[in-house]
Amino acid sequence: MESGWAVLKNKPVVKLSEQELVNCESEDQGCNGGLMDHAFAWIEHNGMTTEDKIPYTAQDGSCKYNRKEAVVFNKGYTDVETTDEALMEAVAMHPVAIGVAANNAWQL
């Protein structure tokens, strides 16, 4: 999200608040994980503030969302097919987020 916004606006990367997503995006499980599509949709609707406004605490907390402090709004996202060609095409156009299913083997 940070790199994509910087590329789109041709400005330096701004550090966004992961904690805001952990605390406020309610479709997922806070620190227990979630889907990036849910985060992208939340940011598209609500915007996102910077980490200096809501610092990362590495634990679930209460939502301190304030739309007036939002600095980045997602303008949409697309899921890319799981082929090498589709990924190479997407990476050539803009930053890409990749999700990995972190099952028990990865967690241990």
C-alpha atoms as a PDB file:
ATOM      1  CA  MET A   1       0.000   0.000   0.000  1.00  0.00           C
ATOM      2  CA  GLU A   2       2.769   2.418   0.944  1.00  0.00           C
ATOM      3  CA  SER A   3       4.802   1.818  -2.214  1.00  0.00           C
ATOM      4  CA  GLY A   4       1.749   1.872  -4.449  1.00  0.00           C
ATOM      5  CA  TRP A   5       0.653   5.241  -3.066  1.00  0.00           C
ATOM      6  CA  ALA A   6       4.185   6.659  -3.479  1.00  0.00           C
ATOM      7  CA  VAL A   7       4.342   5.485  -7.099  1.00  0.00           C
ATOM      8  CA  LEU A   8       0.851   6.804  -7.863  1.00  0.00           C
ATOM      9  CA  LYS A   9       1.529  10.222  -6.330  1.00  0.00           C
ATOM     10  CA  ASN A  10       5.230  10.342  -7.327  1.00  0.00           C
ATOM     11  CA  LYS A  11       6.145  11.197  -3.740  1.00  0.00           C
ATOM     12  CA  PRO A  12       8.265   9.627  -0.975  1.00  0.00           C
ATOM     13  CA  VAL A  13       6.909   6.543   0.777  1.00  0.00           C
ATOM     14  CA  VAL A  14       4.772   7.419   3.799  1.00  0.00           C
ATOM     15  CA  LYS A  15       4.758   4.915   6.699  1.00  0.00           C
ATOM     16  CA  LEU A  16       1.162   3.826   7.265  1.00  0.00           C
ATOM     17  CA  SER A  17      -0.358   2.470  10.472  1.00  0.00           C
ATOM     18  CA  GLU A  18      -0.597  -1.316  10.483  1.00  0.00           C
ATOM     19  CA  GLN A  19      -2.070  -1.003  13.968  1.00  0.00           C
ATOM     20  CA  GLU A  20      -5.057   0.847  12.544  1.00  0.00           C
ATOM     21  CA  LEU A  21      -5.868  -2.205  10.414  1.00  0.00           C
ATOM     22  CA  VAL A  22      -5.294  -4.601  13.316  1.00  0.00           C
ATOM     23  CA  ASN A  23      -7.663  -2.613  15.537  1.00  0.00           C
ATOM     24  CA  CYS A  24     -10.287  -1.359  13.099  1.00  0.00           C
ATOM     25  CA  GLU A  25     -10.712  -3.798  10.185  1.00  0.00           C
ATOM     26  CA  SER A  26     -13.295  -6.120  11.747  1.00  0.00           C
ATOM     27  CA  GLU A  27     -13.660  -8.865   9.111  1.00  0.00           C
ATOM     28  CA  ASP A  28     -10.367 -10.438  10.160  1.00  0.00           C
ATOM     29  CA  GLN A  29      -8.811 -11.559  13.419  1.00  0.00           C
ATOM     30  CA  GLY A  30      -6.506  -8.702  14.432  1.00  0.00           C
ATOM     31  CA  CYS A  31      -3.113 -10.066  15.422  1.00  0.00           C
ATOM     32  CA  ASN A  32      -4.259 -13.591  14.522  1.00  0.00           C
ATOM     33  CA  GLY A  33      -4.192 -12.806  10.815  1.00  0.00           C
ATOM     34  CA  GLY A  34      -6.534 -12.077   7.976  1.00  0.00           C
ATOM     35  CA  LEU A  35      -6.860 -11.489   4.259  1.00  0.00           C
ATOM     36  CA  MET A  36      -5.204  -8.588   2.478  1.00  0.00           C
ATOM     37  CA  ASP A  37      -8.325  -8.173   0.311  1.00  0.00           C
ATOM     38  CA  HIS A  38     -10.249  -7.240   3.466  1.00  0.00           C
ATOM     39  CA  ALA A  39      -7.567  -4.703   4.391  1.00  0.00           C
ATOM     40  CA  PHE A  40      -7.589  -3.203   0.878  1.00  0.00           C
ATOM     41  CA  ALA A  41     -11.381  -2.910   0.939  1.00  0.00           C
ATOM     42  CA  TRP A  42     -11.307  -1.293   4.392  1.00  0.00           C
ATOM     43  CA  ILE A  43      -8.737   1.268   3.228  1.00  0.00           C
ATOM     44  CA  GLU A  44     -10.745   1.945   0.067  1.00  0.00           C
ATOM     45  CA  HIS A  45     -13.784   2.822   2.187  1.00  0.00           C
ATOM     46  CA  ASN A  46     -12.121   4.445   5.233  1.00  0.00           C
ATOM     47  CA  GLY A  47      -8.660   5.594   4.242  1.00  0.00           C
ATOM     48  CA  MET A  48      -5.596   4.999   6.374  1.00  0.00           C
ATOM     49  CA  THR A  49      -3.540   7.157   8.690  1.00  0.00           C
ATOM     50  CA  THR A  50       0.178   7.231   9.370  1.00  0.00           C
ATOM     51  CA  GLU A  51       2.096   5.197  11.916  1.00  0.00           C
ATOM     52  CA  ASP A  52       3.039   8.319  13.864  1.00  0.00           C
ATOM     53  CA  LYS A  53      -0.703   8.870  14.586  1.00  0.00           C
ATOM     54  CA  ILE A  54      -1.399   5.236  15.560  1.00  0.00           C
ATOM     55  CA  PRO A  55       1.889   3.443  16.363  1.00  0.00           C
ATOM     56  CA  TYR A  56       2.296  -0.324  16.087  1.00  0.00           C
ATOM     57  CA  THR A  57       1.926  -2.122  19.440  1.00  0.00           C
ATOM     58  CA  ALA A  58       2.039  -5.781  18.293  1.00  0.00           C
ATOM     59  CA  GLN A  59      -1.236  -6.526  20.103  1.00  0.00           C
ATOM     60  CA  ASP A  60      -4.942  -6.136  19.537  1.00  0.00           C
ATOM     61  CA  GLY A  61      -6.386  -2.851  20.730  1.00  0.00           C
ATOM     62  CA  SER A  62      -9.360  -0.546  20.415  1.00  0.00           C
ATOM     63  CA  CYS A  63     -10.053   1.249  17.149  1.00  0.00           C
ATOM     64  CA  LYS A  64      -8.934   4.893  17.176  1.00  0.00           C
ATOM     65  CA  TYR A  65      -9.954   5.582  13.572  1.00  0.00           C
ATOM     66  CA  ASN A  66     -10.432   9.223  12.622  1.00  0.00           C
ATOM     67  CA  ARG A  67     -11.334   9.872   8.965  1.00  0.00           C
ATOM     68  CA  LYS A  68      -9.920  13.407   9.204  1.00  0.00           C
ATOM     69  CA  GLU A  69      -6.454  11.893   9.808  1.00  0.00           C
ATOM     70  CA  ALA A  70      -6.598   9.510   6.821  1.00  0.00           C
ATOM     71  CA  VAL A  71      -3.835  10.285   4.324  1.00  0.00           C
ATOM     72  CA  VAL A  72      -4.146   7.355   1.907  1.00  0.00           C
ATOM     73  CA  PHE A  73      -7.212   5.946   0.195  1.00  0.00           C
ATOM     74  CA  ASN A  74      -7.051   2.764  -1.869  1.00  0.00           C
ATOM     75  CA  LYS A  75      -8.516   3.310  -5.331  1.00  0.00           C
ATOM     76  CA  GLY A  76      -9.171  -0.399  -5.857  1.00  0.00           C
ATOM     77  CA  TYR A  77      -7.272  -3.644  -6.115  1.00  0.00           C
ATOM     78  CA  THR A  78      -7.191  -6.702  -8.345  1.00  0.00           C
ATOM     79  CA  ASP A  79      -6.459 -10.307  -7.533  1.00  0.00           C
ATOM     80  CA  VAL A  80      -3.889 -11.640 -10.004  1.00  0.00           C
ATOM     81  CA  GLU A  81      -4.116 -15.114 -11.480  1.00  0.00           C
ATOM     82  CA  THR A  82      -1.640 -17.580 -10.032  1.00  0.00           C
ATOM     83  CA  THR A  83       0.526 -17.859 -13.122  1.00  0.00           C
ATOM     84  CA  ASP A  84       4.070 -16.632 -13.674  1.00  0.00           C
ATOM     85  CA  GLU A  85       2.948 -14.564 -16.662  1.00  0.00           C
ATOM     86  CA  ALA A  86       0.151 -12.778 -14.774  1.00  0.00           C
ATOM     87  CA  LEU A  87       2.454 -11.969 -11.866  1.00  0.00           C
ATOM     88  CA  MET A  88       5.220 -10.650 -14.142  1.00  0.00           C
ATOM     89  CA  GLU A  89       2.698  -8.438 -15.941  1.00  0.00           C
ATOM     90  CA  ALA A  90       1.356  -7.061 -12.654  1.00  0.00           C
ATOM     91  CA  VAL A  91       4.835  -6.395 -11.219  1.00  0.00           C
ATOM     92  CA  ALA A  92       5.801  -4.536 -14.400  1.00  0.00           C
ATOM     93  CA  MET A  93       2.896  -2.102 -13.861  1.00  0.00           C
ATOM     94  CA  HIS A  94       2.883  -1.403 -10.095  1.00  0.00           C
ATOM     95  CA  PRO A  95       3.783  -2.781  -6.648  1.00  0.00           C
ATOM     96  CA  VAL A  96       2.241  -6.149  -5.826  1.00  0.00           C
ATOM     97  CA  ALA A  97       1.201  -7.688  -2.502  1.00  0.00           C
ATOM     98  CA  ILE A  98       1.616 -11.428  -2.149  1.00  0.00           C
ATOM     99  CA  GLY A  99      -0.144 -13.512   0.473  1.00  0.00           C
ATOM    100  CA  VAL A 100       1.053 -16.836   1.828  1.00  0.00           C
ATOM    101  CA  ALA A 101      -1.106 -19.346   3.700  1.00  0.00           C
ATOM    102  CA  ALA A 102       0.804 -19.619   6.982  1.00  0.00           C
ATOM    103  CA  ASN A 103      -0.468 -22.994   8.142  1.00  0.00           C
ATOM    104  CA  ASN A 104       0.733 -24.825  11.233  1.00  0.00           C
ATOM    105  CA  ALA A 105       3.999 -25.921   9.606  1.00  0.00           C
ATOM    106  CA  TRP A 106       5.024 -22.294   9.041  1.00  0.00           C
ATOM    107  CA  GLN A 107       3.872 -21.168  12.469  1.00  0.00           C
ATOM    108  CA  LEU A 108       5.963 -23.770  14.255  1.00  0.00           C
END
